Amino acid sequence: MRHGNDVSTETVKSFLCRRIAKAKPMTSSFGQEMLGRVVQDKKGKELGKLADLVIDVANGEISELLIRCAEHIDASRLPFPLKDGSVAIPSTEVSSFGHVIMLKI
């Protein structure tokens, strides 16, 4: 699925997997570039900002995005678990990843 100039979820996953596979130990600049990006629901409403990524070490894929909710969002009402004050959103719920991260919900 594509949104405007953003790339598809599968393209992002493929790119990230290749990038992670080639990464040297302690390389974090690519991840740092992504942190702080706005996360929106499918209607374009801001839910918060990307706080961190969870990587599945078995396959090198992003398994979850940890989101710090915007002040007007009640995280307990979202259909995702809380982890250390952030909402853990499965990567399967991401529809596109560009300057803005769009969710399927």
PDB file of N, CA and C in Angstrom:
ATOM      1  N   MET A   1       0.850  -1.174   0.000  1.00  0.00           N
ATOM      2  CA  MET A   1       0.000   0.000   0.000  1.00  0.00           C
ATOM      3  C   MET A   1       0.893   1.234   0.000  1.00  0.00           C
ATOM      4  N   ARG A   2       0.488   2.248  -0.738  1.00  0.00           N
ATOM      5  CA  ARG A   2       1.276   3.474  -0.822  1.00  0.00           C
ATOM      6  C   ARG A   2       0.430   4.670  -0.429  1.00  0.00           C
ATOM      7  N   HIS A   3       1.088   5.673   0.126  1.00  0.00           N
ATOM      8  CA  HIS A   3       0.427   6.919   0.508  1.00  0.00           C
ATOM      9  C   HIS A   3       1.282   8.066   0.010  1.00  0.00           C
ATOM     10  N   GLY A   4       0.805   8.771  -1.006  1.00  0.00           N
ATOM     11  CA  GLY A   4       1.552   9.923  -1.504  1.00  0.00           C
ATOM     12  C   GLY A   4       2.949   9.541  -1.944  1.00  0.00           C
ATOM     13  N   ASN A   5       3.953  10.226  -1.433  1.00  0.00           N
ATOM     14  CA  ASN A   5       5.340   9.954  -1.790  1.00  0.00           C
ATOM     15  C   ASN A   5       5.977   8.898  -0.909  1.00  0.00           C
ATOM     16  N   ASP A   6       5.239   8.366   0.035  1.00  0.00           N
ATOM     17  CA  ASP A   6       5.781   7.364   0.940  1.00  0.00           C
ATOM     18  C   ASP A   6       5.935   6.035   0.216  1.00  0.00           C
ATOM     19  N   VAL A   7       6.817   5.200   0.728  1.00  0.00           N
ATOM     20  CA  VAL A   7       7.044   3.886   0.134  1.00  0.00           C
ATOM     21  C   VAL A   7       6.192   2.839   0.832  1.00  0.00           C
ATOM     22  N   SER A   8       6.032   1.703   0.183  1.00  0.00           N
ATOM     23  CA  SER A   8       5.191   0.650   0.749  1.00  0.00           C
ATOM     24  C   SER A   8       5.846   0.024   1.973  1.00  0.00           C
ATOM     25  N   THR A   9       5.029  -0.623   2.792  1.00  0.00           N
ATOM     26  CA  THR A   9       5.515  -1.290   3.998  1.00  0.00           C
ATOM     27  C   THR A   9       6.522  -2.372   3.644  1.00  0.00           C
ATOM     28  N   GLU A  10       6.234  -3.173   2.615  1.00  0.00           N
ATOM     29  CA  GLU A  10       7.143  -4.254   2.222  1.00  0.00           C
ATOM     30  C   GLU A  10       8.479  -3.708   1.742  1.00  0.00           C
ATOM     31  N   THR A  11       8.467  -2.600   1.026  1.00  0.00           N
ATOM     32  CA  THR A  11       9.713  -1.984   0.575  1.00  0.00           C
ATOM     33  C   THR A  11      10.536  -1.525   1.766  1.00  0.00           C
ATOM     34  N   VAL A  12       9.890  -0.929   2.744  1.00  0.00           N
ATOM     35  CA  VAL A  12      10.582  -0.473   3.954  1.00  0.00           C
ATOM     36  C   VAL A  12      11.166  -1.659   4.700  1.00  0.00           C
ATOM     37  N   LYS A  13      10.370  -2.712   4.891  1.00  0.00           N
ATOM     38  CA  LYS A  13      10.858  -3.894   5.606  1.00  0.00           C
ATOM     39  C   LYS A  13      12.061  -4.495   4.892  1.00  0.00           C
ATOM     40  N   SER A  14      11.974  -4.617   3.571  1.00  0.00           N
ATOM     41  CA  SER A  14      13.072  -5.175   2.796  1.00  0.00           C
ATOM     42  C   SER A  14      14.326  -4.317   2.937  1.00  0.00           C
ATOM     43  N   PHE A  15      14.165  -3.002   2.812  1.00  0.00           N
ATOM     44  CA  PHE A  15      15.291  -2.087   2.949  1.00  0.00           C
ATOM     45  C   PHE A  15      15.913  -2.183   4.336  1.00  0.00           C
ATOM     46  N   LEU A  16      15.064  -2.169   5.362  1.00  0.00           N
ATOM     47  CA  LEU A  16      15.570  -2.223   6.733  1.00  0.00           C
ATOM     48  C   LEU A  16      16.292  -3.535   7.003  1.00  0.00           C
ATOM     49  N   CYS A  17      15.759  -4.639   6.489  1.00  0.00           N
ATOM     50  CA  CYS A  17      16.419  -5.933   6.691  1.00  0.00           C
ATOM     51  C   CYS A  17      17.798  -5.943   6.043  1.00  0.00           C
ATOM     52  N   ARG A  18      17.899  -5.404   4.821  1.00  0.00           N
ATOM     53  CA  ARG A  18      19.209  -5.337   4.161  1.00  0.00           C
ATOM     54  C   ARG A  18      20.147  -4.424   4.933  1.00  0.00           C
ATOM     55  N   ARG A  19      19.636  -3.299   5.395  1.00  0.00           N
ATOM     56  CA  ARG A  19      20.450  -2.331   6.132  1.00  0.00           C
ATOM     57  C   ARG A  19      20.945  -2.933   7.447  1.00  0.00           C
ATOM     58  N   ILE A  20      20.060  -3.621   8.149  1.00  0.00           N
ATOM     59  CA  ILE A  20      20.430  -4.244   9.421  1.00  0.00           C
ATOM     60  C   ILE A  20      21.456  -5.345   9.194  1.00  0.00           C
ATOM     61  N   ALA A  21      21.268  -6.144   8.139  1.00  0.00           N
ATOM     62  CA  ALA A  21      22.187  -7.245   7.849  1.00  0.00           C
ATOM     63  C   ALA A  21      23.598  -6.732   7.567  1.00  0.00           C
ATOM     64  N   LYS A  22      23.706  -5.549   6.968  1.00  0.00           N
ATOM     65  CA  LYS A  22      25.011  -4.977   6.639  1.00  0.00           C
ATOM     66  C   LYS A  22      25.592  -4.124   7.761  1.00  0.00           C
ATOM     67  N   ALA A  23      24.803  -3.854   8.767  1.00  0.00           N
ATOM     68  CA  ALA A  23      25.220  -2.935   9.832  1.00  0.00           C
ATOM     69  C   ALA A  23      26.402  -3.476  10.617  1.00  0.00           C
ATOM     70  N   LYS A  24      27.259  -2.580  11.005  1.00  0.00           N
ATOM     71  CA  LYS A  24      28.374  -2.918  11.873  1.00  0.00           C
ATOM     72  C   LYS A  24      27.888  -2.834  13.311  1.00  0.00           C
ATOM     73  N   PRO A  25      28.523  -3.559  14.207  1.00  0.00           N
ATOM     74  CA  PRO A  25      28.117  -3.458  15.614  1.00  0.00           C
ATOM     75  C   PRO A  25      28.136  -2.007  16.082  1.00  0.00           C
ATOM     76  N   MET A  26      27.131  -1.653  16.879  1.00  0.00           N
ATOM     77  CA  MET A  26      26.999  -0.338  17.492  1.00  0.00           C
ATOM     78  C   MET A  26      26.606   0.755  16.498  1.00  0.00           C
ATOM     79  N   THR A  27      26.255   0.381  15.267  1.00  0.00           N
ATOM     80  CA  THR A  27      25.791   1.382  14.315  1.00  0.00           C
ATOM     81  C   THR A  27      24.343   1.710  14.618  1.00  0.00           C
ATOM     82  N   SER A  28      24.062   2.973  14.861  1.00  0.00           N
ATOM     83  CA  SER A  28      22.690   3.332  15.206  1.00  0.00           C
ATOM     84  C   SER A  28      22.204   4.580  14.482  1.00  0.00           C
ATOM     85  N   SER A  29      22.972   5.100  13.547  1.00  0.00           N
ATOM     86  CA  SER A  29      22.580   6.360  12.915  1.00  0.00           C
ATOM     87  C   SER A  29      21.289   6.233  12.125  1.00  0.00           C
ATOM     88  N   PHE A  30      21.063   5.117  11.436  1.00  0.00           N
ATOM     89  CA  PHE A  30      19.835   4.962  10.658  1.00  0.00           C
ATOM     90  C   PHE A  30      18.628   4.950  11.578  1.00  0.00           C
ATOM     91  N   GLY A  31      18.719   4.207  12.674  1.00  0.00           N
ATOM     92  CA  GLY A  31      17.626   4.170  13.643  1.00  0.00           C
ATOM     93  C   GLY A  31      17.380   5.533  14.256  1.00  0.00           C
ATOM     94  N   GLN A  32      18.442   6.262  14.528  1.00  0.00           N
ATOM     95  CA  GLN A  32      18.303   7.599  15.108  1.00  0.00           C
ATOM     96  C   GLN A  32      17.578   8.541  14.154  1.00  0.00           C
ATOM     97  N   GLU A  33      17.780   8.357  12.848  1.00  0.00           N
ATOM     98  CA  GLU A  33      17.102   9.196  11.859  1.00  0.00           C
ATOM     99  C   GLU A  33      15.590   9.000  11.910  1.00  0.00           C
ATOM    100  N   MET A  34      15.146   7.808  12.264  1.00  0.00           N
ATOM    101  CA  MET A  34      13.717   7.492  12.258  1.00  0.00           C
ATOM    102  C   MET A  34      13.013   7.945  13.530  1.00  0.00           C
ATOM    103  N   LEU A  35      13.735   7.965  14.637  1.00  0.00           N
ATOM    104  CA  LEU A  35      13.113   8.314  15.912  1.00  0.00           C
ATOM    105  C   LEU A  35      12.560   9.736  15.879  1.00  0.00           C
ATOM    106  N   GLY A  36      11.404   9.901  16.479  1.00  0.00           N
ATOM    107  CA  GLY A  36      10.768  11.208  16.524  1.00  0.00           C
ATOM    108  C   GLY A  36       9.798  11.470  15.380  1.00  0.00           C
ATOM    109  N   ARG A  37       9.735  10.544  14.423  1.00  0.00           N
ATOM    110  CA  ARG A  37       8.787  10.737  13.317  1.00  0.00           C
ATOM    111  C   ARG A  37       7.355  10.644  13.828  1.00  0.00           C
ATOM    112  N   VAL A  38       6.491  11.429  13.236  1.00  0.00           N
ATOM    113  CA  VAL A  38       5.079  11.450  13.613  1.00  0.00           C
ATOM    114  C   VAL A  38       4.413  10.152  13.160  1.00  0.00           C
ATOM    115  N   VAL A  39       3.560   9.611  14.030  1.00  0.00           N
ATOM    116  CA  VAL A  39       2.775   8.414  13.725  1.00  0.00           C
ATOM    117  C   VAL A  39       1.311   8.832  13.652  1.00  0.00           C
ATOM    118  N   GLN A  40       0.661   8.465  12.534  1.00  0.00           N
ATOM    119  CA  GLN A  40      -0.738   8.835  12.329  1.00  0.00           C
ATOM    120  C   GLN A  40      -1.594   7.594  12.092  1.00  0.00           C
ATOM    121  N   ASP A  41      -2.879   7.705  12.446  1.00  0.00           N
ATOM    122  CA  ASP A  41      -3.805   6.627  12.114  1.00  0.00           C
ATOM    123  C   ASP A  41      -4.213   6.774  10.647  1.00  0.00           C
ATOM    124  N   LYS A  42      -5.037   5.850  10.153  1.00  0.00           N
ATOM    125  CA  LYS A  42      -5.377   5.866   8.728  1.00  0.00           C
ATOM    126  C   LYS A  42      -6.175   7.097   8.310  1.00  0.00           C
ATOM    127  N   LYS A  43      -6.734   7.809   9.271  1.00  0.00           N
ATOM    128  CA  LYS A  43      -7.478   9.038   8.967  1.00  0.00           C
ATOM    129  C   LYS A  43      -6.586  10.277   9.017  1.00  0.00           C
ATOM    130  N   GLY A  44      -5.303  10.083   9.345  1.00  0.00           N
ATOM    131  CA  GLY A  44      -4.372  11.202   9.402  1.00  0.00           C
ATOM    132  C   GLY A  44      -4.280  11.878  10.754  1.00  0.00           C
ATOM    133  N   LYS A  45      -4.930  11.300  11.773  1.00  0.00           N
ATOM    134  CA  LYS A  45      -4.875  11.873  13.124  1.00  0.00           C
ATOM    135  C   LYS A  45      -3.558  11.456  13.788  1.00  0.00           C
ATOM    136  N   GLU A  46      -2.854  12.435  14.346  1.00  0.00           N
ATOM    137  CA  GLU A  46      -1.582  12.130  15.002  1.00  0.00           C
ATOM    138  C   GLU A  46      -1.817  11.359  16.292  1.00  0.00           C
ATOM    139  N   LEU A  47      -1.125  10.206  16.405  1.00  0.00           N
ATOM    140  CA  LEU A  47      -1.190   9.403  17.622  1.00  0.00           C
ATOM    141  C   LEU A  47      -0.011   9.691  18.538  1.00  0.00           C
ATOM    142  N   GLY A  48       1.109  10.063  17.955  1.00  0.00           N
ATOM    143  CA  GLY A  48       2.304  10.326  18.749  1.00  0.00           C
ATOM    144  C   GLY A  48       3.537  10.324  17.873  1.00  0.00           C
ATOM    145  N   LYS A  49       4.677  10.006  18.505  1.00  0.00           N
ATOM    146  CA  LYS A  49       5.955   9.992  17.787  1.00  0.00           C
ATOM    147  C   LYS A  49       6.686   8.686  18.058  1.00  0.00           C
ATOM    148  N   LEU A  50       7.465   8.263  17.072  1.00  0.00           N
ATOM    149  CA  LEU A  50       8.242   7.038  17.195  1.00  0.00           C
ATOM    150  C   LEU A  50       9.320   7.228  18.257  1.00  0.00           C
ATOM    151  N   ALA A  51       9.270   6.391  19.299  1.00  0.00           N
ATOM    152  CA  ALA A  51      10.238   6.478  20.396  1.00  0.00           C
ATOM    153  C   ALA A  51      11.359   5.461  20.240  1.00  0.00           C
ATOM    154  N   ASP A  52      11.031   4.286  19.669  1.00  0.00           N
ATOM    155  CA  ASP A  52      12.036   3.232  19.543  1.00  0.00           C
ATOM    156  C   ASP A  52      11.512   2.145  18.624  1.00  0.00           C
ATOM    157  N   LEU A  53      12.412   1.259  18.225  1.00  0.00           N
ATOM    158  CA  LEU A  53      12.067   0.105  17.404  1.00  0.00           C
ATOM    159  C   LEU A  53      12.472  -1.157  18.141  1.00  0.00           C
ATOM    160  N   VAL A  54      11.694  -2.219  17.984  1.00  0.00           N
ATOM    161  CA  VAL A  54      12.044  -3.524  18.546  1.00  0.00           C
ATOM    162  C   VAL A  54      12.412  -4.419  17.370  1.00  0.00           C
ATOM    163  N   ILE A  55      13.622  -4.966  17.399  1.00  0.00           N
ATOM    164  CA  ILE A  55      14.124  -5.821  16.330  1.00  0.00           C
ATOM    165  C   ILE A  55      14.088  -7.271  16.789  1.00  0.00           C
ATOM    166  N   ASP A  56      13.550  -8.145  15.949  1.00  0.00           N
ATOM    167  CA  ASP A  56      13.561  -9.583  16.212  1.00  0.00           C
ATOM    168  C   ASP A  56      14.957 -10.084  15.845  1.00  0.00           C
ATOM    169  N   VAL A  57      15.748 -10.475  16.833  1.00  0.00           N
ATOM    170  CA  VAL A  57      17.133 -10.869  16.577  1.00  0.00           C
ATOM    171  C   VAL A  57      17.226 -12.167  15.789  1.00  0.00           C
ATOM    172  N   ALA A  58      16.176 -12.960  15.788  1.00  0.00           N
ATOM    173  CA  ALA A  58      16.191 -14.218  15.045  1.00  0.00           C
ATOM    174  C   ALA A  58      16.190 -13.985  13.536  1.00  0.00           C
ATOM    175  N   ASN A  59      15.476 -12.944  13.084  1.00  0.00           N
ATOM    176  CA  ASN A  59      15.396 -12.716  11.639  1.00  0.00           C
ATOM    177  C   ASN A  59      15.828 -11.307  11.215  1.00  0.00           C
ATOM    178  N   GLY A  60      16.142 -10.448  12.169  1.00  0.00           N
ATOM    179  CA  GLY A  60      16.608  -9.100  11.858  1.00  0.00           C
ATOM    180  C   GLY A  60      15.524  -8.129  11.426  1.00  0.00           C
ATOM    181  N   GLU A  61      14.261  -8.530  11.540  1.00  0.00           N
ATOM    182  CA  GLU A  61      13.163  -7.667  11.124  1.00  0.00           C
ATOM    183  C   GLU A  61      12.635  -6.840  12.290  1.00  0.00           C
ATOM    184  N   ILE A  62      12.067  -5.697  11.951  1.00  0.00           N
ATOM    185  CA  ILE A  62      11.409  -4.875  12.964  1.00  0.00           C
ATOM    186  C   ILE A  62      10.128  -5.592  13.358  1.00  0.00           C
ATOM    187  N   SER A  63       9.972  -5.859  14.648  1.00  0.00           N
ATOM    188  CA  SER A  63       8.759  -6.546  15.105  1.00  0.00           C
ATOM    189  C   SER A  63       7.742  -5.563  15.673  1.00  0.00           C
ATOM    190  N   GLU A  64       8.223  -4.491  16.295  1.00  0.00           N
ATOM    191  CA  GLU A  64       7.315  -3.515  16.897  1.00  0.00           C
ATOM    192  C   GLU A  64       7.888  -2.112  16.791  1.00  0.00           C
ATOM    193  N   LEU A  65       6.987  -1.154  16.773  1.00  0.00           N
ATOM    194  CA  LEU A  65       7.341   0.257  16.881  1.00  0.00           C
ATOM    195  C   LEU A  65       6.830   0.728  18.231  1.00  0.00           C
ATOM    196  N   LEU A  66       7.669   1.376  18.998  1.00  0.00           N
ATOM    197  CA  LEU A  66       7.261   1.920  20.292  1.00  0.00           C
ATOM    198  C   LEU A  66       6.953   3.399  20.103  1.00  0.00           C
ATOM    199  N   ILE A  67       5.721   3.761  20.436  1.00  0.00           N
ATOM    200  CA  ILE A  67       5.210   5.101  20.186  1.00  0.00           C
ATOM    201  C   ILE A  67       4.945   5.830  21.496  1.00  0.00           C
ATOM    202  N   ARG A  68       5.455   7.052  21.606  1.00  0.00           N
ATOM    203  CA  ARG A  68       5.089   7.942  22.720  1.00  0.00           C
ATOM    204  C   ARG A  68       3.857   8.700  22.260  1.00  0.00           C
ATOM    205  N   CYS A  69       2.761   8.465  22.934  1.00  0.00           N
ATOM    206  CA  CYS A  69       1.490   9.069  22.520  1.00  0.00           C
ATOM    207  C   CYS A  69       1.481  10.579  22.719  1.00  0.00           C
ATOM    208  N   ALA A  70       0.783  11.248  21.814  1.00  0.00           N
ATOM    209  CA  ALA A  70       0.543  12.683  21.952  1.00  0.00           C
ATOM    210  C   ALA A  70      -0.289  12.903  23.211  1.00  0.00           C
ATOM    211  N   GLU A  71      -0.198  14.088  23.791  1.00  0.00           N
ATOM    212  CA  GLU A  71      -0.881  14.385  25.061  1.00  0.00           C
ATOM    213  C   GLU A  71      -2.385  14.174  24.997  1.00  0.00           C
ATOM    214  N   HIS A  72      -2.991  14.410  23.851  1.00  0.00           N
ATOM    215  CA  HIS A  72      -4.444  14.284  23.724  1.00  0.00           C
ATOM    216  C   HIS A  72      -4.916  12.839  23.505  1.00  0.00           C
ATOM    217  N   ILE A  73      -3.981  11.886  23.428  1.00  0.00           N
ATOM    218  CA  ILE A  73      -4.325  10.481  23.184  1.00  0.00           C
ATOM    219  C   ILE A  73      -4.280   9.700  24.490  1.00  0.00           C
ATOM    220  N   ASP A  74      -5.343   8.959  24.767  1.00  0.00           N
ATOM    221  CA  ASP A  74      -5.399   8.065  25.926  1.00  0.00           C
ATOM    222  C   ASP A  74      -4.884   6.702  25.473  1.00  0.00           C
ATOM    223  N   ALA A  75      -3.629   6.400  25.802  1.00  0.00           N
ATOM    224  CA  ALA A  75      -2.981   5.169  25.344  1.00  0.00           C
ATOM    225  C   ALA A  75      -3.732   3.915  25.765  1.00  0.00           C
ATOM    226  N   SER A  76      -4.430   3.966  26.876  1.00  0.00           N
ATOM    227  CA  SER A  76      -5.163   2.787  27.352  1.00  0.00           C
ATOM    228  C   SER A  76      -6.343   2.439  26.444  1.00  0.00           C
ATOM    229  N   ARG A  77      -6.752   3.367  25.598  1.00  0.00           N
ATOM    230  CA  ARG A  77      -7.876   3.116  24.689  1.00  0.00           C
ATOM    231  C   ARG A  77      -7.428   2.545  23.350  1.00  0.00           C
ATOM    232  N   LEU A  78      -6.129   2.496  23.118  1.00  0.00           N
ATOM    233  CA  LEU A  78      -5.609   1.930  21.875  1.00  0.00           C
ATOM    234  C   LEU A  78      -5.567   0.408  21.984  1.00  0.00           C
ATOM    235  N   PRO A  79      -5.706  -0.294  20.859  1.00  0.00           N
ATOM    236  CA  PRO A  79      -5.737  -1.764  20.889  1.00  0.00           C
ATOM    237  C   PRO A  79      -4.354  -2.418  20.937  1.00  0.00           C
ATOM    238  N   PHE A  80      -3.393  -1.735  21.547  1.00  0.00           N
ATOM    239  CA  PHE A  80      -2.029  -2.244  21.609  1.00  0.00           C
ATOM    240  C   PHE A  80      -1.520  -2.174  23.046  1.00  0.00           C
ATOM    241  N   PRO A  81      -0.580  -3.073  23.404  1.00  0.00           N
ATOM    242  CA  PRO A  81      -0.063  -3.074  24.779  1.00  0.00           C
ATOM    243  C   PRO A  81       0.888  -1.907  25.053  1.00  0.00           C
ATOM    244  N   LEU A  82       1.014  -1.578  26.325  1.00  0.00           N
ATOM    245  CA  LEU A  82       1.973  -0.568  26.767  1.00  0.00           C
ATOM    246  C   LEU A  82       3.261  -1.260  27.190  1.00  0.00           C
ATOM    247  N   LYS A  83       4.398  -0.660  26.841  1.00  0.00           N
ATOM    248  CA  LYS A  83       5.711  -1.159  27.249  1.00  0.00           C
ATOM    249  C   LYS A  83       6.531   0.037  27.702  1.00  0.00           C
ATOM    250  N   ASP A  84       6.853   0.078  28.966  1.00  0.00           N
ATOM    251  CA  ASP A  84       7.691   1.158  29.509  1.00  0.00           C
ATOM    252  C   ASP A  84       7.183   2.546  29.125  1.00  0.00           C
ATOM    253  N   GLY A  85       5.883   2.756  29.209  1.00  0.00           N
ATOM    254  CA  GLY A  85       5.300   4.058  28.924  1.00  0.00           C
ATOM    255  C   GLY A  85       5.051   4.355  27.459  1.00  0.00           C
ATOM    256  N   SER A  86       5.403   3.425  26.582  1.00  0.00           N
ATOM    257  CA  SER A  86       5.158   3.590  25.147  1.00  0.00           C
ATOM    258  C   SER A  86       4.155   2.544  24.687  1.00  0.00           C
ATOM    259  N   VAL A  87       3.468   2.834  23.602  1.00  0.00           N
ATOM    260  CA  VAL A  87       2.542   1.876  23.011  1.00  0.00           C
ATOM    261  C   VAL A  87       3.329   1.022  22.024  1.00  0.00           C
ATOM    262  N   ALA A  88       3.222  -0.305  22.162  1.00  0.00           N
ATOM    263  CA  ALA A  88       3.929  -1.243  21.292  1.00  0.00           C
ATOM    264  C   ALA A  88       3.020  -1.626  20.126  1.00  0.00           C
ATOM    265  N   ILE A  89       3.342  -1.119  18.948  1.00  0.00           N
ATOM    266  CA  ILE A  89       2.536  -1.375  17.759  1.00  0.00           C
ATOM    267  C   ILE A  89       3.266  -2.380  16.873  1.00  0.00           C
ATOM    268  N   PRO A  90       2.626  -3.521  16.573  1.00  0.00           N
ATOM    269  CA  PRO A  90       3.266  -4.512  15.699  1.00  0.00           C
ATOM    270  C   PRO A  90       3.575  -3.901  14.330  1.00  0.00           C
ATOM    271  N   SER A  91       4.689  -4.288  13.752  1.00  0.00           N
ATOM    272  CA  SER A  91       5.073  -3.738  12.448  1.00  0.00           C
ATOM    273  C   SER A  91       4.053  -4.090  11.370  1.00  0.00           C
ATOM    274  N   THR A  92       3.284  -5.145  11.580  1.00  0.00           N
ATOM    275  CA  THR A  92       2.251  -5.532  10.615  1.00  0.00           C
ATOM    276  C   THR A  92       1.127  -4.509  10.538  1.00  0.00           C
ATOM    277  N   GLU A  93       1.046  -3.601  11.510  1.00  0.00           N
ATOM    278  CA  GLU A  93       0.005  -2.568  11.532  1.00  0.00           C
ATOM    279  C   GLU A  93       0.437  -1.276  10.846  1.00  0.00           C
ATOM    280  N   VAL A  94       1.642  -1.261  10.271  1.00  0.00           N
ATOM    281  CA  VAL A  94       2.147  -0.079   9.573  1.00  0.00           C
ATOM    282  C   VAL A  94       1.790  -0.193   8.094  1.00  0.00           C
ATOM    283  N   SER A  95       1.141   0.838   7.558  1.00  0.00           N
ATOM    284  CA  SER A  95       0.796   0.815   6.134  1.00  0.00           C
ATOM    285  C   SER A  95       1.858   1.506   5.284  1.00  0.00           C
ATOM    286  N   SER A  96       2.525   2.523   5.836  1.00  0.00           N
ATOM    287  CA  SER A  96       3.622   3.171   5.112  1.00  0.00           C
ATOM    288  C   SER A  96       4.559   3.849   6.103  1.00  0.00           C
ATOM    289  N   PHE A  97       5.802   3.986   5.656  1.00  0.00           N
ATOM    290  CA  PHE A  97       6.838   4.558   6.505  1.00  0.00           C
ATOM    291  C   PHE A  97       7.606   5.571   5.676  1.00  0.00           C
ATOM    292  N   GLY A  98       7.314   6.828   5.884  1.00  0.00           N
ATOM    293  CA  GLY A  98       8.012   7.901   5.192  1.00  0.00           C
ATOM    294  C   GLY A  98       8.360   8.967   6.208  1.00  0.00           C
ATOM    295  N   HIS A  99       8.213  10.227   5.839  1.00  0.00           N
ATOM    296  CA  HIS A  99       8.426  11.299   6.815  1.00  0.00           C
ATOM    297  C   HIS A  99       7.418  11.179   7.942  1.00  0.00           C
ATOM    298  N   VAL A 100       6.258  10.601   7.601  1.00  0.00           N
ATOM    299  CA  VAL A 100       5.213  10.297   8.575  1.00  0.00           C
ATOM    300  C   VAL A 100       4.963   8.800   8.510  1.00  0.00           C
ATOM    301  N   ILE A 101       4.765   8.179   9.666  1.00  0.00           N
ATOM    302  CA  ILE A 101       4.459   6.748   9.723  1.00  0.00           C
ATOM    303  C   ILE A 101       2.941   6.608   9.780  1.00  0.00           C
ATOM    304  N   MET A 102       2.384   5.913   8.797  1.00  0.00           N
ATOM    305  CA  MET A 102       0.934   5.725   8.724  1.00  0.00           C
ATOM    306  C   MET A 102       0.582   4.309   9.174  1.00  0.00           C
ATOM    307  N   LEU A 103      -0.435   4.225  10.032  1.00  0.00           N
ATOM    308  CA  LEU A 103      -0.908   2.931  10.510  1.00  0.00           C
ATOM    309  C   LEU A 103      -2.144   2.493   9.739  1.00  0.00           C
ATOM    310  N   LYS A 104      -2.441   1.200   9.823  1.00  0.00           N
ATOM    311  CA  LYS A 104      -3.622   0.632   9.169  1.00  0.00           C
ATOM    312  C   LYS A 104      -4.895   0.876   9.964  1.00  0.00           C
ATOM    313  N   ILE A 105      -4.761   1.261  11.229  1.00  0.00           N
ATOM    314  CA  ILE A 105      -5.949   1.441  12.076  1.00  0.00           C
ATOM    315  C   ILE A 105      -6.483   2.852  11.970  1.00  0.00           C
TER     316      ILE A 105
END
